[in-house]
Amino acid sequence: MSDTLKITLLGTGIPNPDMNAFGTSTLIEAGDQVVMLDCGRGAVIRLAQAGYPLGYVDTIIISHYHSDHFSGLFDLAMTGTIQQPFSNRGGPLHVYGPPGINDIAEGAWQATKPDRDIRVADHEIDPDHMRIIPYTYEQEGVVFDRGGLRIVAIEVDHGAFIRPAYAFRVEYRGHVFVHSHDTRYNENLIAQAQGADVFIHEVAAASPQTLIDYPRIQVAIDHHATPEDVGRVFTQTRPKLAMLTHLVMLPPDPPTIEALCAGVATEYDGIVLVAEDLMTIEIGNSISVIPAYHGRNGAGHKPLKPRRSARPVTRGSQ
């Protein structure tokens, strides 16, 4: 079994439709374990582009309930059941989330009924494979622990009306990957992100004139970390590799990526990479970052055999 912790950034974007940055979705591979963190818009497309059959994924952990972090669930639930090589899931989806995940599971079962009825009548699918089986986690702590892969939910501050919201700390054979998901500057995240090999953090900014002309934009800014905030986070955690994702650059005169990086640099003196969709990170004896245009057609993204559905070790609320 490999000691490498592999992370594929399927989606690094925000709610704004963008062909280059789909909704947040991150594929974790460690030994024989496969988990997806969030399942935003376009996750199905990105899995296919990365060379994975949709059936490769049957376990998903949701950070919070903004649409760009879970809207892809419904596509994966339906399309993943089709018994063809591009899909071929062998069971239902197991989805962990904060309180509210039961509503999503029940709503998805109703919303997918017309497609499910047709495919069952045509003897295409097992209807149970289109089911989302929900697991509620109500506080921070270990959400997933199987096969040496341990995923810890970290409560963060994404605003007064978006509670709870979580970051994730992923641990495997001494390797650590931390994803902030959506948060403001947060001391709890800083405390629990210590010792990370790779720490990927969201960031948001708008030009001063944009804030004057469009004051409602301040609401979005107030729910996220500024570049200077992110710089302070990285300074206090000192990851081996720091990365930016979920770049909230608000129009009509959005700041440039260079400006975001310059803001981070006022508070942090280390190396910072900007995440892109389909970028692969491999944490082993060293840390490798493979951009999509190299990895997608190379050894990093070969088509894999569909996995059979794997039941989680623990069930129900935890």
Protein backbone atom coordinates (compact mmCIF):
# COMPACT_ATOMS: atom_id res chain seq x y z
CA MET A 1 0.00 0.00 0.00
CA SER A 2 1.37 3.40 -0.99
CA ASP A 3 2.32 5.91 1.70
CA THR A 4 1.36 8.76 -0.63
CA LEU A 5 -1.57 11.04 0.12
CA LYS A 6 -3.00 12.18 -3.20
CA ILE A 7 -5.28 15.18 -3.60
CA THR A 8 -6.97 16.17 -6.86
CA LEU A 9 -8.51 19.65 -6.91
CA LEU A 10 -11.56 18.95 -9.05
CA GLY A 11 -13.08 22.39 -8.45
CA THR A 12 -11.50 25.55 -7.03
CA GLY A 13 -14.13 28.15 -7.89
CA ILE A 14 -16.99 30.14 -6.41
CA PRO A 15 -20.72 30.40 -7.28
CA ASN A 16 -19.97 32.55 -10.35
CA PRO A 17 -20.18 30.30 -13.46
CA ASP A 18 -16.62 29.92 -14.75
CA MET A 19 -15.43 27.26 -17.20
CA ASN A 20 -11.97 27.36 -15.65
CA ALA A 21 -13.00 27.15 -12.00
CA PHE A 22 -15.90 24.85 -11.14
CA GLY A 23 -17.54 24.60 -7.70
CA THR A 24 -15.43 23.44 -4.77
CA SER A 25 -14.70 19.71 -4.88
CA THR A 26 -11.60 17.83 -3.75
CA LEU A 27 -10.78 14.17 -4.31
CA ILE A 28 -8.74 12.45 -1.59
CA GLU A 29 -6.96 9.14 -2.31
CA ALA A 30 -5.01 7.30 0.37
CA GLY A 31 -4.22 3.60 0.12
CA ASP A 32 -7.50 1.93 -0.81
CA GLN A 33 -9.64 4.81 0.47
CA VAL A 34 -11.35 7.41 -1.72
CA VAL A 35 -13.26 10.37 -0.29
CA MET A 36 -14.56 13.54 -1.92
CA LEU A 37 -14.64 16.75 0.13
CA ASP A 38 -17.59 18.82 -1.11
CA CYS A 39 -19.26 18.21 -4.46
CA GLY A 40 -19.78 21.51 -6.22
CA ARG A 41 -21.00 22.33 -9.71
CA GLY A 42 -19.24 20.31 -12.40
CA ALA A 43 -17.70 17.63 -10.15
CA VAL A 44 -18.92 14.93 -12.55
CA ILE A 45 -17.26 16.66 -15.51
CA ARG A 46 -13.99 17.13 -13.66
CA LEU A 47 -13.90 13.49 -12.54
CA ALA A 48 -14.25 12.42 -16.16
CA GLN A 49 -11.60 14.89 -17.32
CA ALA A 50 -9.24 13.51 -14.67
CA GLY A 51 -9.78 9.99 -16.02
CA TYR A 52 -11.91 8.60 -13.20
CA PRO A 53 -15.18 6.70 -13.69
CA LEU A 54 -17.94 8.27 -11.61
CA GLY A 55 -18.37 5.02 -9.72
CA TYR A 56 -14.91 5.50 -8.22
CA VAL A 57 -16.49 7.80 -5.62
CA ASP A 58 -19.15 6.72 -3.15
CA THR A 59 -18.21 8.69 -0.02
CA ILE A 60 -18.56 12.48 0.22
CA ILE A 61 -18.14 14.91 3.12
CA ILE A 62 -19.86 18.30 2.86
CA SER A 63 -18.41 21.38 4.60
CA HIS A 64 -21.49 23.64 4.60
CA TYR A 65 -24.59 24.38 2.57
CA HIS A 66 -23.72 27.09 0.09
CA SER A 67 -24.72 25.81 -3.35
CA ASP A 68 -21.22 25.86 -4.84
CA HIS A 69 -20.20 23.20 -2.32
CA PHE A 70 -22.92 20.59 -2.84
CA SER A 71 -24.97 21.20 -6.01
CA GLY A 72 -22.98 18.54 -7.90
CA LEU A 73 -24.34 15.83 -5.59
CA PHE A 74 -27.51 15.44 -7.61
CA ASP A 75 -25.67 14.94 -10.89
CA LEU A 76 -23.34 12.41 -9.27
CA ALA A 77 -26.28 10.57 -7.68
CA MET A 78 -28.08 10.17 -11.01
CA THR A 79 -25.33 9.90 -13.61
CA GLY A 80 -23.20 7.69 -11.37
CA THR A 81 -25.77 4.88 -11.51
CA ILE A 82 -25.57 4.37 -15.28
CA GLN A 83 -23.98 0.99 -15.91
CA GLN A 84 -21.39 2.00 -18.46
CA PRO A 85 -17.61 2.31 -18.10
CA PHE A 86 -17.72 6.10 -17.59
CA SER A 87 -19.89 5.64 -14.50
CA ASN A 88 -20.90 2.26 -13.07
CA ARG A 89 -21.33 2.99 -9.35
CA GLY A 90 -22.19 -0.22 -7.53
CA GLY A 91 -24.25 1.24 -4.68
CA PRO A 92 -25.69 4.39 -3.13
CA LEU A 93 -23.76 7.54 -2.21
CA HIS A 94 -22.72 7.86 1.43
CA VAL A 95 -22.76 11.57 2.26
CA TYR A 96 -21.64 13.13 5.54
CA GLY A 97 -22.74 16.64 6.39
CA PRO A 98 -23.77 19.06 9.15
CA PRO A 99 -27.42 19.11 10.25
CA GLY A 100 -29.51 19.48 7.10
CA ILE A 101 -28.00 16.55 5.23
CA ASN A 102 -31.18 14.51 5.82
CA ASP A 103 -33.19 17.17 3.97
CA ILE A 104 -30.80 16.97 1.03
CA ALA A 105 -31.01 13.18 0.92
CA GLU A 106 -34.82 13.20 1.06
CA GLY A 107 -35.09 15.99 -1.52
CA ALA A 108 -32.66 14.26 -3.86
CA TRP A 109 -34.68 11.03 -3.71
CA GLN A 110 -37.77 12.94 -4.80
CA ALA A 111 -36.02 15.08 -7.41
CA THR A 112 -34.34 12.09 -9.08
CA LYS A 113 -37.53 10.00 -9.22
CA PRO A 114 -38.47 10.76 -12.87
CA ASP A 115 -35.02 9.75 -14.14
CA ARG A 116 -34.90 6.76 -11.80
CA ASP A 117 -38.33 5.46 -12.87
CA ILE A 118 -37.38 5.57 -16.55
CA ARG A 119 -34.07 3.78 -16.05
CA VAL A 120 -35.60 1.15 -13.79
CA ALA A 121 -38.36 0.49 -16.34
CA ASP A 122 -35.65 0.04 -18.98
CA HIS A 123 -33.77 -2.35 -16.65
CA GLU A 124 -30.75 -0.03 -16.70
CA ILE A 125 -30.12 0.49 -13.00
CA ASP A 126 -30.75 -0.70 -9.47
CA PRO A 127 -32.91 2.10 -8.01
CA ASP A 128 -31.17 1.92 -4.63
CA HIS A 129 -27.93 3.01 -6.27
CA MET A 130 -29.47 6.45 -6.83
CA ARG A 131 -30.05 6.89 -3.12
CA ILE A 132 -28.07 9.31 -0.94
CA ILE A 133 -27.51 7.78 2.50
CA PRO A 134 -26.98 10.66 4.95
CA TYR A 135 -24.72 10.79 8.01
CA THR A 136 -24.94 13.82 10.27
CA TYR A 137 -21.96 15.20 12.14
CA GLU A 138 -23.03 17.85 14.63
CA GLN A 139 -19.71 19.15 15.91
CA GLU A 140 -16.07 19.29 14.98
CA GLY A 141 -13.93 16.21 15.34
CA VAL A 142 -13.18 13.00 13.45
CA VAL A 143 -15.71 12.48 10.66
CA PHE A 144 -13.99 9.65 8.78
CA ASP A 145 -11.43 7.12 10.01
CA ARG A 146 -10.79 4.07 7.86
CA GLY A 147 -7.84 2.32 6.26
CA GLY A 148 -5.36 4.73 7.81
CA LEU A 149 -7.13 7.78 6.37
CA ARG A 150 -8.39 10.17 9.05
CA ILE A 151 -10.45 13.27 8.27
CA VAL A 152 -11.13 15.81 11.01
CA ALA A 153 -13.80 18.53 10.72
CA ILE A 154 -12.67 21.91 12.06
CA GLU A 155 -15.37 24.46 12.88
CA VAL A 156 -14.73 27.79 11.16
CA ASP A 157 -16.45 31.19 10.94
CA HIS A 158 -18.20 31.78 7.62
CA GLY A 159 -20.69 34.27 9.01
CA ALA A 160 -23.50 34.44 11.54
CA PHE A 161 -26.09 32.76 9.30
CA ILE A 162 -23.85 29.98 7.94
CA ARG A 163 -23.43 27.84 11.02
CA PRO A 164 -21.98 25.36 11.32
CA ALA A 165 -19.32 25.52 8.62
CA TYR A 166 -16.21 23.36 8.57
CA ALA A 167 -12.67 23.11 7.29
CA PHE A 168 -11.03 19.68 7.05
CA ARG A 169 -7.72 18.26 8.22
CA VAL A 170 -6.78 15.12 6.26
CA GLU A 171 -4.18 12.78 7.80
CA TYR A 172 -2.58 9.70 6.28
CA ARG A 173 0.62 7.91 7.35
CA GLY A 174 2.16 11.04 8.82
CA HIS A 175 1.09 13.33 5.96
CA VAL A 176 -1.29 16.24 6.54
CA PHE A 177 -3.44 18.23 4.12
CA VAL A 178 -5.66 21.05 5.37
CA HIS A 179 -8.43 22.71 3.35
CA SER A 180 -10.03 25.82 4.85
CA HIS A 181 -13.19 25.66 2.73
CA ASP A 182 -15.10 28.93 3.33
CA THR A 183 -14.10 30.97 6.36
CA ARG A 184 -13.07 34.31 7.72
CA TYR A 185 -9.83 34.67 9.67
CA ASN A 186 -10.26 31.98 12.31
CA GLU A 187 -8.17 31.16 15.36
CA ASN A 188 -9.63 27.66 15.68
CA LEU A 189 -8.49 26.80 12.16
CA ILE A 190 -5.04 28.19 12.89
CA ALA A 191 -4.76 26.04 16.01
CA GLN A 192 -5.78 22.86 14.19
CA ALA A 193 -3.82 23.45 10.98
CA GLN A 194 -0.43 23.23 12.66
CA GLY A 195 2.03 20.79 11.10
CA ALA A 196 0.37 20.72 7.69
CA ASP A 197 2.37 19.61 4.68
CA VAL A 198 -0.08 21.47 2.43
CA PHE A 199 -2.54 24.12 3.61
CA ILE A 200 -4.97 25.47 1.02
CA HIS A 201 -6.97 28.55 2.03
CA GLU A 202 -9.74 30.60 0.43
CA VAL A 203 -9.38 34.35 -0.18
CA ALA A 204 -11.58 37.30 -1.16
CA ALA A 205 -11.04 40.90 -2.24
CA ALA A 206 -12.64 43.80 -4.08
CA SER A 207 -11.23 47.09 -5.25
CA PRO A 208 -11.92 50.17 -3.07
CA GLN A 209 -13.93 51.76 -5.87
CA THR A 210 -16.06 48.64 -6.29
CA LEU A 211 -16.92 48.72 -2.59
CA ILE A 212 -17.94 52.37 -2.90
CA ASP A 213 -20.03 51.87 -6.04
CA TYR A 214 -21.59 48.56 -4.97
CA PRO A 215 -21.85 48.56 -1.15
CA ARG A 216 -23.77 45.28 -1.08
CA ILE A 217 -20.57 43.54 -2.15
CA GLN A 218 -19.27 44.15 1.36
CA VAL A 219 -21.58 41.33 2.53
CA ALA A 220 -19.61 38.84 0.44
CA ILE A 221 -16.26 40.22 1.57
CA ASP A 222 -17.32 39.97 5.20
CA HIS A 223 -17.88 36.22 4.85
CA HIS A 224 -14.35 35.47 3.68
CA ALA A 225 -10.68 36.02 4.48
CA THR A 226 -8.84 38.97 2.96
CA PRO A 227 -5.39 38.43 1.40
CA GLU A 228 -3.80 39.98 4.47
CA ASP A 229 -5.85 37.68 6.72
CA VAL A 230 -4.64 34.66 4.76
CA GLY A 231 -1.05 35.87 5.06
CA ARG A 232 -1.43 36.01 8.85
CA VAL A 233 -2.93 32.50 8.86
CA PHE A 234 0.01 31.10 6.90
CA THR A 235 2.52 32.93 9.10
CA GLN A 236 1.01 31.38 12.21
CA THR A 237 0.82 27.86 10.77
CA ARG A 238 3.94 27.71 8.54
CA PRO A 239 2.85 24.88 6.20
CA LYS A 240 5.45 23.30 3.97
CA LEU A 241 3.34 24.50 1.04
CA ALA A 242 0.72 27.26 1.14
CA MET A 243 -1.95 27.54 -1.56
CA LEU A 244 -4.83 29.86 -2.43
CA THR A 245 -8.20 28.62 -3.67
CA HIS A 246 -11.82 29.82 -4.02
CA LEU A 247 -10.63 33.21 -5.27
CA VAL A 248 -13.46 35.67 -4.65
CA MET A 249 -12.43 38.57 -6.92
CA LEU A 250 -15.51 40.70 -7.16
CA PRO A 251 -16.55 42.57 -10.34
CA PRO A 252 -16.97 44.89 -12.13
CA ASP A 253 -13.34 45.85 -11.51
CA PRO A 254 -11.95 42.72 -9.85
CA PRO A 255 -8.47 42.71 -8.33
CA THR A 256 -5.89 40.64 -10.16
CA ILE A 257 -4.40 37.41 -8.88
CA GLU A 258 -1.12 39.29 -8.63
CA ALA A 259 -2.81 41.79 -6.30
CA LEU A 260 -4.17 38.99 -4.12
CA CYS A 261 -0.73 37.42 -3.85
CA ALA A 262 0.81 40.80 -3.05
CA GLY A 263 -1.67 41.21 -0.21
CA VAL A 264 -0.77 37.80 1.20
CA ALA A 265 2.92 38.69 0.90
CA THR A 266 2.52 41.68 3.21
CA GLU A 267 1.99 39.20 6.05
CA TYR A 268 3.71 36.00 4.83
CA ASP A 269 7.21 35.44 3.51
CA GLY A 270 6.85 31.88 2.21
CA ILE A 271 6.02 30.34 -1.15
CA VAL A 272 2.35 30.54 -2.17
CA LEU A 273 0.78 28.69 -5.12
CA VAL A 274 -2.57 29.50 -6.70
CA ALA A 275 -4.78 26.43 -7.11
CA GLU A 276 -6.35 25.46 -10.43
CA ASP A 277 -9.00 22.90 -11.33
CA LEU A 278 -7.59 19.41 -11.98
CA MET A 279 -4.30 20.20 -10.26
CA THR A 280 -2.93 17.16 -8.40
CA ILE A 281 -0.97 17.29 -5.15
CA GLU A 282 0.98 14.23 -4.02
CA ILE A 283 2.35 14.21 -0.48
CA GLY A 284 4.91 11.50 0.13
CA ASN A 285 8.67 11.74 0.66
CA SER A 286 8.30 15.09 -1.08
CA ILE A 287 5.41 17.30 -2.15
CA SER A 288 4.60 17.30 -5.86
CA VAL A 289 2.14 19.67 -7.54
CA ILE A 290 1.12 18.54 -11.02
CA PRO A 291 -0.92 20.92 -13.21
CA ALA A 292 -3.79 19.51 -15.23
CA TYR A 293 -2.17 19.85 -18.63
CA HIS A 294 0.63 17.53 -17.51
CA GLY A 295 -1.21 15.16 -15.19
CA ARG A 296 -4.41 14.54 -17.11
CA ASN A 297 -2.78 12.52 -19.89
CA GLY A 298 0.08 11.14 -17.86
CA ALA A 299 0.62 8.64 -15.10
CA GLY A 300 -1.19 10.82 -12.60
CA HIS A 301 -4.65 10.34 -14.14
CA LYS A 302 -5.15 6.96 -15.73
CA PRO A 303 -8.66 5.54 -15.99
CA LEU A 304 -9.42 3.30 -13.05
CA LYS A 305 -11.72 0.35 -12.56
CA PRO A 306 -15.07 1.24 -10.98
CA ARG A 307 -15.17 0.66 -7.23
CA ARG A 308 -17.89 -1.32 -5.55
CA SER A 309 -19.86 0.59 -2.93
CA ALA A 310 -18.05 0.61 0.41
CA ARG A 311 -20.08 0.96 3.58
CA PRO A 312 -18.66 3.39 6.17
CA VAL A 313 -17.34 2.00 9.43
CA THR A 314 -19.72 4.16 11.49
CA ARG A 315 -23.29 4.99 10.64
CA GLY A 316 -25.73 7.66 11.71
CA SER A 317 -24.93 10.80 13.69
CA GLN A 318 -21.51 11.21 15.21
